[in-house]
Amino acid sequence: MAGKKQFDMDTVLGAAMTQFWREGYADTSLDDLSRATGLNRSSLYSSFGDKDTLFLRCLDLYVTRYGEKYDAALSRAARDPVAAVRAFFDVTLERIADPELPDGCLVAQSAMAIPVLSPSVAAQTKKALGLQSLRLRAALLAGRVPDEDAEAFAVHVAAVNQSLAVMSRAGATPAQLRAVVGVTLEALAQASRV
């Protein structure tokens, strides 16, 4: 049938997300996206709009995909906040260790590029980054971590989580990343005992 799209939208979005994740927003051209998705430029434009619009859809896909995993990890926070935060970090460490995925984190990489992003992409990136702190704070409060400590640890854990992505891109070993996580978990365990 003429005019009917002959591709799977989720597959194309996944391929575009991986391209942005691997190369970053600024270093990903429409030609790169065309090669990654198998769609020509005009099909990309007609299906997704401009590069910003496509990137925003990819960022939403990434945040949803990993957000669900982080939520599942933190679901045990009421019983054991330290174990929940460990599970939260495990989501990141497993993603980093997956040889099928690019190194790092699409959100962290995008956050570092905020000065060169369009206002709408920068705003969505900041929102995605802030979701981690909100998610962590809610989980820590559910685990009866005092409000002031929950706020401080939520920001800290989110920052450590993003730094794991940056460190992995720079070649840190799994043992080094786990050591960083261990320091954070020990500090949280001590604060939880007080």
C-alpha atoms as a PDB file:
ATOM      1  CA  MET A   1       0.000   0.000   0.000  1.00  0.00           C
ATOM      2  CA  ALA A   2       1.333   3.396  -0.898  1.00  0.00           C
ATOM      3  CA  GLY A   3       2.054   5.723   2.017  1.00  0.00           C
ATOM      4  CA  LYS A   4       1.964   2.996   4.678  1.00  0.00           C
ATOM      5  CA  LYS A   5       4.971   2.881   6.975  1.00  0.00           C
ATOM      6  CA  GLN A   6       6.879  -0.365   6.547  1.00  0.00           C
ATOM      7  CA  PHE A   7       8.920  -0.337   9.741  1.00  0.00           C
ATOM      8  CA  ASP A   8       8.484  -1.029  13.423  1.00  0.00           C
ATOM      9  CA  MET A   9       8.458   2.264  15.345  1.00  0.00           C
ATOM     10  CA  ASP A  10       9.889   0.725  18.545  1.00  0.00           C
ATOM     11  CA  THR A  11      12.779  -0.873  16.659  1.00  0.00           C
ATOM     12  CA  VAL A  12      13.599   2.389  14.910  1.00  0.00           C
ATOM     13  CA  LEU A  13      13.416   4.377  18.163  1.00  0.00           C
ATOM     14  CA  GLY A  14      15.644   1.813  19.871  1.00  0.00           C
ATOM     15  CA  ALA A  15      18.224   2.065  17.085  1.00  0.00           C
ATOM     16  CA  ALA A  16      18.140   5.875  17.172  1.00  0.00           C
ATOM     17  CA  MET A  17      18.424   5.859  20.980  1.00  0.00           C
ATOM     18  CA  THR A  18      21.499   3.630  20.771  1.00  0.00           C
ATOM     19  CA  GLN A  19      23.061   5.932  18.168  1.00  0.00           C
ATOM     20  CA  PHE A  20      22.521   9.023  20.330  1.00  0.00           C
ATOM     21  CA  TRP A  21      23.791   7.097  23.369  1.00  0.00           C
ATOM     22  CA  ARG A  22      26.922   5.920  21.575  1.00  0.00           C
ATOM     23  CA  GLU A  23      27.890   9.230  19.945  1.00  0.00           C
ATOM     24  CA  GLY A  24      26.023  11.912  21.856  1.00  0.00           C
ATOM     25  CA  TYR A  25      23.443  14.350  20.566  1.00  0.00           C
ATOM     26  CA  ALA A  26      25.854  16.858  19.006  1.00  0.00           C
ATOM     27  CA  ASP A  27      27.997  14.223  17.293  1.00  0.00           C
ATOM     28  CA  THR A  28      25.056  12.318  15.814  1.00  0.00           C
ATOM     29  CA  SER A  29      24.114  13.517  12.344  1.00  0.00           C
ATOM     30  CA  LEU A  30      20.964  12.737  10.409  1.00  0.00           C
ATOM     31  CA  ASP A  31      23.108  10.542   8.181  1.00  0.00           C
ATOM     32  CA  ASP A  32      24.222   8.608  11.278  1.00  0.00           C
ATOM     33  CA  LEU A  33      20.592   8.212  12.319  1.00  0.00           C
ATOM     34  CA  SER A  34      19.653   7.096   8.828  1.00  0.00           C
ATOM     35  CA  ARG A  35      22.359   4.407   8.866  1.00  0.00           C
ATOM     36  CA  ALA A  36      21.437   3.288  12.399  1.00  0.00           C
ATOM     37  CA  THR A  37      17.706   3.052  11.733  1.00  0.00           C
ATOM     38  CA  GLY A  38      17.720   1.974   8.095  1.00  0.00           C
ATOM     39  CA  LEU A  39      15.412   4.874   7.219  1.00  0.00           C
ATOM     40  CA  ASN A  40      16.261   7.609   4.770  1.00  0.00           C
ATOM     41  CA  ARG A  41      16.296  11.218   5.906  1.00  0.00           C
ATOM     42  CA  SER A  42      12.878  11.998   4.522  1.00  0.00           C
ATOM     43  CA  SER A  43      11.330   9.000   6.329  1.00  0.00           C
ATOM     44  CA  LEU A  44      12.990  10.117   9.557  1.00  0.00           C
ATOM     45  CA  TYR A  45      11.604  13.639   9.144  1.00  0.00           C
ATOM     46  CA  SER A  46       8.113  12.512   8.199  1.00  0.00           C
ATOM     47  CA  SER A  47       7.936   9.957  11.019  1.00  0.00           C
ATOM     48  CA  PHE A  48       9.686  11.808  13.838  1.00  0.00           C
ATOM     49  CA  GLY A  49      10.099  15.449  12.877  1.00  0.00           C
ATOM     50  CA  ASP A  50      13.423  17.150  13.408  1.00  0.00           C
ATOM     51  CA  LYS A  51      16.493  15.841  15.240  1.00  0.00           C
ATOM     52  CA  ASP A  52      15.412  17.454  18.532  1.00  0.00           C
ATOM     53  CA  THR A  53      12.012  15.770  18.408  1.00  0.00           C
ATOM     54  CA  LEU A  54      13.553  12.387  17.632  1.00  0.00           C
ATOM     55  CA  PHE A  55      16.099  12.822  20.415  1.00  0.00           C
ATOM     56  CA  LEU A  56      13.375  13.720  22.922  1.00  0.00           C
ATOM     57  CA  ARG A  57      11.491  10.547  22.017  1.00  0.00           C
ATOM     58  CA  CYS A  58      14.696   8.541  22.433  1.00  0.00           C
ATOM     59  CA  LEU A  59      15.427  10.169  25.781  1.00  0.00           C
ATOM     60  CA  ASP A  60      11.887   9.358  26.948  1.00  0.00           C
ATOM     61  CA  LEU A  61      12.358   5.751  25.843  1.00  0.00           C
ATOM     62  CA  TYR A  62      15.644   5.522  27.741  1.00  0.00           C
ATOM     63  CA  VAL A  63      14.197   7.109  30.900  1.00  0.00           C
ATOM     64  CA  THR A  64      11.168   4.816  30.798  1.00  0.00           C
ATOM     65  CA  ARG A  65      13.180   1.656  30.139  1.00  0.00           C
ATOM     66  CA  TYR A  66      15.670   2.219  32.934  1.00  0.00           C
ATOM     67  CA  GLY A  67      13.222   4.060  35.189  1.00  0.00           C
ATOM     68  CA  GLU A  68      11.111   0.918  35.441  1.00  0.00           C
ATOM     69  CA  LYS A  69      14.195  -1.076  36.428  1.00  0.00           C
ATOM     70  CA  TYR A  70      15.218   1.519  39.018  1.00  0.00           C
ATOM     71  CA  ASP A  71      11.691   1.573  40.452  1.00  0.00           C
ATOM     72  CA  ALA A  72      11.692  -2.216  40.771  1.00  0.00           C
ATOM     73  CA  ALA A  73      15.086  -2.104  42.507  1.00  0.00           C
ATOM     74  CA  LEU A  74      13.932   0.568  44.949  1.00  0.00           C
ATOM     75  CA  SER A  75      10.640  -1.176  45.719  1.00  0.00           C
ATOM     76  CA  ARG A  76      12.246  -2.926  48.699  1.00  0.00           C
ATOM     77  CA  ALA A  77      13.321   0.340  50.317  1.00  0.00           C
ATOM     78  CA  ALA A  78      10.642   0.214  53.041  1.00  0.00           C
ATOM     79  CA  ARG A  79      12.159  -3.032  54.337  1.00  0.00           C
ATOM     80  CA  ASP A  80      15.843  -2.333  53.708  1.00  0.00           C
ATOM     81  CA  PRO A  81      16.905   1.010  52.204  1.00  0.00           C
ATOM     82  CA  VAL A  82      20.567  -0.024  51.877  1.00  0.00           C
ATOM     83  CA  ALA A  83      19.671  -3.185  49.942  1.00  0.00           C
ATOM     84  CA  ALA A  84      17.342  -1.120  47.749  1.00  0.00           C
ATOM     85  CA  VAL A  85      20.086   1.376  46.914  1.00  0.00           C
ATOM     86  CA  ARG A  86      22.464  -1.539  46.227  1.00  0.00           C
ATOM     87  CA  ALA A  87      19.864  -2.952  43.801  1.00  0.00           C
ATOM     88  CA  PHE A  88      19.531   0.529  42.259  1.00  0.00           C
ATOM     89  CA  PHE A  89      23.274   0.622  41.590  1.00  0.00           C
ATOM     90  CA  ASP A  90      23.133  -2.947  40.266  1.00  0.00           C
ATOM     91  CA  VAL A  91      20.788  -1.758  37.509  1.00  0.00           C
ATOM     92  CA  THR A  92      23.443   0.719  36.415  1.00  0.00           C
ATOM     93  CA  LEU A  93      26.356  -1.687  36.803  1.00  0.00           C
ATOM     94  CA  GLU A  94      24.543  -4.384  34.799  1.00  0.00           C
ATOM     95  CA  ARG A  95      23.757  -1.866  32.051  1.00  0.00           C
ATOM     96  CA  ILE A  96      27.399  -0.759  32.000  1.00  0.00           C
ATOM     97  CA  ALA A  97      28.617  -4.371  31.834  1.00  0.00           C
ATOM     98  CA  ASP A  98      26.276  -5.323  28.977  1.00  0.00           C
ATOM     99  CA  PRO A  99      28.474  -5.653  25.871  1.00  0.00           C
ATOM    100  CA  GLU A 100      25.447  -5.062  23.626  1.00  0.00           C
ATOM    101  CA  LEU A 101      24.963  -1.526  24.977  1.00  0.00           C
ATOM    102  CA  PRO A 102      27.089   1.597  24.585  1.00  0.00           C
ATOM    103  CA  ASP A 103      29.233   2.649  27.532  1.00  0.00           C
ATOM    104  CA  GLY A 104      27.924   5.266  29.907  1.00  0.00           C
ATOM    105  CA  CYS A 105      24.435   6.677  30.211  1.00  0.00           C
ATOM    106  CA  LEU A 106      22.385   8.662  27.719  1.00  0.00           C
ATOM    107  CA  VAL A 107      21.159  11.017  30.459  1.00  0.00           C
ATOM    108  CA  ALA A 108      24.644  11.664  31.888  1.00  0.00           C
ATOM    109  CA  GLN A 109      26.090  12.182  28.432  1.00  0.00           C
ATOM    110  CA  SER A 110      23.294  14.578  27.530  1.00  0.00           C
ATOM    111  CA  ALA A 111      23.652  16.471  30.806  1.00  0.00           C
ATOM    112  CA  MET A 112      27.307  17.128  30.033  1.00  0.00           C
ATOM    113  CA  ALA A 113      26.253  18.576  26.671  1.00  0.00           C
ATOM    114  CA  ILE A 114      23.573  20.924  28.052  1.00  0.00           C
ATOM    115  CA  PRO A 115      25.468  24.096  27.018  1.00  0.00           C
ATOM    116  CA  VAL A 116      25.174  23.129  23.338  1.00  0.00           C
ATOM    117  CA  LEU A 117      21.670  21.615  23.431  1.00  0.00           C
ATOM    118  CA  SER A 118      18.536  23.402  22.325  1.00  0.00           C
ATOM    119  CA  PRO A 119      16.445  24.778  25.209  1.00  0.00           C
ATOM    120  CA  SER A 120      13.809  22.032  24.879  1.00  0.00           C
ATOM    121  CA  VAL A 121      16.369  19.213  24.834  1.00  0.00           C
ATOM    122  CA  ALA A 122      18.303  20.784  27.725  1.00  0.00           C
ATOM    123  CA  ALA A 123      15.116  21.119  29.781  1.00  0.00           C
ATOM    124  CA  GLN A 124      14.106  17.509  29.150  1.00  0.00           C
ATOM    125  CA  THR A 125      17.619  16.326  30.035  1.00  0.00           C
ATOM    126  CA  LYS A 126      17.512  18.246  33.328  1.00  0.00           C
ATOM    127  CA  LYS A 127      14.108  16.761  34.060  1.00  0.00           C
ATOM    128  CA  ALA A 128      15.396  13.234  33.376  1.00  0.00           C
ATOM    129  CA  LEU A 129      18.361  13.839  35.643  1.00  0.00           C
ATOM    130  CA  GLY A 130      16.114  15.164  38.403  1.00  0.00           C
ATOM    131  CA  LEU A 131      13.863  12.095  38.236  1.00  0.00           C
ATOM    132  CA  GLN A 132      16.609   9.965  39.741  1.00  0.00           C
ATOM    133  CA  SER A 133      16.895  12.165  42.821  1.00  0.00           C
ATOM    134  CA  LEU A 134      13.113  12.245  43.245  1.00  0.00           C
ATOM    135  CA  ARG A 135      12.852   8.475  42.879  1.00  0.00           C
ATOM    136  CA  LEU A 136      15.673   7.913  45.390  1.00  0.00           C
ATOM    137  CA  ARG A 137      14.311  10.423  47.911  1.00  0.00           C
ATOM    138  CA  ALA A 138      10.876   8.775  47.889  1.00  0.00           C
ATOM    139  CA  ALA A 139      12.437   5.348  48.377  1.00  0.00           C
ATOM    140  CA  LEU A 140      14.659   6.493  51.233  1.00  0.00           C
ATOM    141  CA  LEU A 141      11.738   8.191  52.964  1.00  0.00           C
ATOM    142  CA  ALA A 142       9.766   4.947  52.602  1.00  0.00           C
ATOM    143  CA  GLY A 143      12.708   3.248  54.313  1.00  0.00           C
ATOM    144  CA  ARG A 144      12.297   5.640  57.226  1.00  0.00           C
ATOM    145  CA  VAL A 145      15.519   7.500  56.526  1.00  0.00           C
ATOM    146  CA  PRO A 146      15.068  10.949  58.149  1.00  0.00           C
ATOM    147  CA  ASP A 147      13.942  13.646  55.715  1.00  0.00           C
ATOM    148  CA  GLU A 148      17.182  15.659  55.777  1.00  0.00           C
ATOM    149  CA  ASP A 149      19.314  12.533  55.284  1.00  0.00           C
ATOM    150  CA  ALA A 150      16.961  11.214  52.588  1.00  0.00           C
ATOM    151  CA  GLU A 151      17.352  14.443  50.611  1.00  0.00           C
ATOM    152  CA  ALA A 152      21.154  14.480  50.966  1.00  0.00           C
ATOM    153  CA  PHE A 153      21.547  10.799  50.107  1.00  0.00           C
ATOM    154  CA  ALA A 154      19.144  11.029  47.170  1.00  0.00           C
ATOM    155  CA  VAL A 155      21.252  13.761  45.595  1.00  0.00           C
ATOM    156  CA  HIS A 156      24.470  11.940  46.488  1.00  0.00           C
ATOM    157  CA  VAL A 157      23.369   8.545  45.149  1.00  0.00           C
ATOM    158  CA  ALA A 158      22.064  10.118  41.935  1.00  0.00           C
ATOM    159  CA  ALA A 159      25.400  11.909  41.492  1.00  0.00           C
ATOM    160  CA  VAL A 160      27.385   8.732  42.154  1.00  0.00           C
ATOM    161  CA  ASN A 161      25.156   6.845  39.735  1.00  0.00           C
ATOM    162  CA  GLN A 162      25.849   9.364  36.975  1.00  0.00           C
ATOM    163  CA  SER A 163      29.565   9.329  37.788  1.00  0.00           C
ATOM    164  CA  LEU A 164      29.605   5.543  37.296  1.00  0.00           C
ATOM    165  CA  ALA A 165      28.438   6.105  33.737  1.00  0.00           C
ATOM    166  CA  VAL A 166      31.113   8.724  33.116  1.00  0.00           C
ATOM    167  CA  MET A 167      33.820   6.577  34.726  1.00  0.00           C
ATOM    168  CA  SER A 168      32.813   3.549  32.656  1.00  0.00           C
ATOM    169  CA  ARG A 169      33.126   5.572  29.459  1.00  0.00           C
ATOM    170  CA  ALA A 170      36.587   6.610  30.597  1.00  0.00           C
ATOM    171  CA  GLY A 171      37.630   2.973  31.084  1.00  0.00           C
ATOM    172  CA  ALA A 172      37.138   2.330  34.812  1.00  0.00           C
ATOM    173  CA  THR A 173      37.075  -1.368  35.653  1.00  0.00           C
ATOM    174  CA  PRO A 174      34.044  -3.108  37.146  1.00  0.00           C
ATOM    175  CA  ALA A 175      36.023  -3.509  40.392  1.00  0.00           C
ATOM    176  CA  GLN A 176      36.672   0.234  40.546  1.00  0.00           C
ATOM    177  CA  LEU A 177      33.005   1.004  39.927  1.00  0.00           C
ATOM    178  CA  ARG A 178      31.909  -1.456  42.617  1.00  0.00           C
ATOM    179  CA  ALA A 179      34.392   0.142  45.058  1.00  0.00           C
ATOM    180  CA  VAL A 180      32.767   3.541  44.473  1.00  0.00           C
ATOM    181  CA  VAL A 181      29.346   1.998  45.106  1.00  0.00           C
ATOM    182  CA  GLY A 182      30.660   0.313  48.259  1.00  0.00           C
ATOM    183  CA  VAL A 183      31.725   3.619  49.806  1.00  0.00           C
ATOM    184  CA  THR A 184      28.268   5.091  49.194  1.00  0.00           C
ATOM    185  CA  LEU A 185      26.473   2.035  50.575  1.00  0.00           C
ATOM    186  CA  GLU A 186      28.647   2.028  53.707  1.00  0.00           C
ATOM    187  CA  ALA A 187      27.904   5.713  54.335  1.00  0.00           C
ATOM    188  CA  LEU A 188      24.172   5.078  53.883  1.00  0.00           C
ATOM    189  CA  ALA A 189      24.308   2.066  56.204  1.00  0.00           C
ATOM    190  CA  GLN A 190      25.991   4.140  58.895  1.00  0.00           C
ATOM    191  CA  ALA A 191      23.508   6.991  58.520  1.00  0.00           C
ATOM    192  CA  SER A 192      20.621   4.509  58.694  1.00  0.00           C
ATOM    193  CA  ARG A 193      21.906   3.148  62.026  1.00  0.00           C
ATOM    194  CA  VAL A 194      21.996   6.569  63.668  1.00  0.00           C
END
